[in-house]
Amino acid sequence: MITDRTAQRAKELGATEALGAPRAELEHRPRLGPPIRAVTEGGQQVELYSTRIEAAPATACPALNVVHAYAPAPPWPPTVRIAAVVPEDPPPPAP
């Protein structure tokens, strides 16, 4: 459900645990968050969505944007994968 590259990136960001909640929710709502775009890959439609995870100061985990891909149609069974995790830019310092 999480690509190897994304799992590694989440580990580098200290966000492995933070992906647990969206991962569980995606099992029930694979179209979570606003759609980014739909593409056709190998004859199968793949829909890309984005969602946000708030920062967790207690664990030093930054706010994250999570991109997941949902393939709803045949020829394979419906699948969803977290494909990318990107830290948000920190807010600019106050003047």
Protein backbone atom coordinates (compact mmCIF):
# COMPACT_ATOMS: atom_id res chain seq x y z
CA MET A 1 0.00 0.00 0.00
CA ILE A 2 3.05 2.29 0.32
CA THR A 3 5.73 2.24 -2.37
CA ASP A 4 9.25 1.32 -1.26
CA ARG A 5 10.62 4.73 -2.25
CA THR A 6 7.87 6.50 -0.27
CA ALA A 7 8.45 4.30 2.78
CA GLN A 8 12.15 5.22 2.68
CA ARG A 9 11.37 8.93 2.31
CA ALA A 10 8.88 8.80 5.20
CA LYS A 11 11.55 7.14 7.35
CA GLU A 12 14.03 9.92 6.48
CA LEU A 13 11.44 12.55 7.47
CA GLY A 14 10.49 10.76 10.70
CA ALA A 15 6.99 10.35 9.28
CA THR A 16 6.56 6.58 9.19
CA GLU A 17 3.99 6.61 11.98
CA ALA A 18 2.23 9.66 10.52
CA LEU A 19 1.35 7.66 7.39
CA GLY A 20 -0.60 5.13 9.46
CA ALA A 21 -3.80 7.18 9.66
CA PRO A 22 -4.11 8.03 5.94
CA ARG A 23 -3.10 4.48 5.06
CA ALA A 24 -5.96 3.06 7.13
CA GLU A 25 -8.44 5.62 5.79
CA LEU A 26 -7.47 4.88 2.18
CA GLU A 27 -8.64 1.29 2.65
CA HIS A 28 -12.18 2.65 3.09
CA ARG A 29 -12.00 5.87 1.03
CA PRO A 30 -9.50 5.44 -1.83
CA ARG A 31 -10.49 8.80 -3.32
CA LEU A 32 -9.36 10.74 -0.23
CA GLY A 33 -8.44 14.37 -0.80
CA PRO A 34 -8.66 16.59 -3.85
CA PRO A 35 -7.92 14.98 -7.22
CA ILE A 36 -4.70 16.00 -8.94
CA ARG A 37 -5.24 14.29 -12.30
CA ALA A 38 -6.06 11.00 -13.99
CA VAL A 39 -3.71 9.18 -16.35
CA THR A 40 -3.85 5.97 -18.33
CA GLU A 41 -1.00 3.60 -17.63
CA GLY A 42 -0.74 0.23 -19.36
CA GLY A 43 -4.37 0.44 -20.41
CA GLN A 44 -5.55 1.08 -16.86
CA GLN A 45 -6.82 4.41 -15.55
CA VAL A 46 -4.93 5.71 -12.52
CA GLU A 47 -6.29 8.61 -10.47
CA LEU A 48 -3.90 10.75 -8.41
CA TYR A 49 -5.03 12.46 -5.20
CA SER A 50 -3.35 14.62 -2.57
CA THR A 51 -3.99 15.00 1.12
CA ARG A 52 -2.24 16.83 3.96
CA ILE A 53 -0.97 15.61 7.31
CA GLU A 54 -0.54 18.28 9.98
CA ALA A 55 2.86 18.75 11.62
CA ALA A 56 3.54 16.82 14.82
CA PRO A 57 5.93 18.98 16.88
CA ALA A 58 6.25 16.30 19.58
CA THR A 59 7.90 13.96 17.07
CA ALA A 60 9.52 16.70 14.93
CA CYS A 61 7.49 15.47 11.95
CA PRO A 62 6.82 18.35 9.54
CA ALA A 63 3.50 18.98 7.82
CA LEU A 64 3.34 16.64 4.84
CA ASN A 65 1.63 16.44 1.49
CA VAL A 66 0.79 12.84 0.66
CA VAL A 67 0.06 11.79 -2.92
CA HIS A 68 -1.67 8.51 -3.56
CA ALA A 69 -2.65 6.67 -6.73
CA TYR A 70 -5.93 4.81 -7.10
CA ALA A 71 -6.55 2.38 -9.95
CA PRO A 72 -10.31 1.71 -9.88
CA ALA A 73 -10.89 -0.30 -13.04
CA PRO A 74 -10.05 -3.65 -14.61
CA PRO A 75 -8.01 -5.44 -15.86
CA TRP A 76 -6.72 -5.68 -12.26
CA PRO A 77 -8.64 -5.39 -9.00
CA PRO A 78 -8.93 -1.87 -7.55
CA THR A 79 -5.70 -0.83 -5.82
CA VAL A 80 -4.47 2.21 -3.92
CA ARG A 81 -0.85 3.10 -3.15
CA ILE A 82 0.75 5.99 -1.31
CA ALA A 83 3.15 7.14 -4.00
CA ALA A 84 4.87 10.21 -2.53
CA VAL A 85 5.33 12.11 0.70
CA VAL A 86 6.66 15.66 0.52
CA PRO A 87 7.32 17.97 3.47
CA GLU A 88 5.67 21.36 3.25
CA ASP A 89 7.89 24.40 3.17
CA PRO A 90 8.17 25.93 6.62
CA PRO A 91 6.43 29.28 7.06
CA PRO A 92 8.68 32.32 6.59
CA PRO A 93 10.09 33.78 9.80
CA ALA A 94 8.10 36.55 11.42
CA PRO A 95 9.50 40.05 10.84
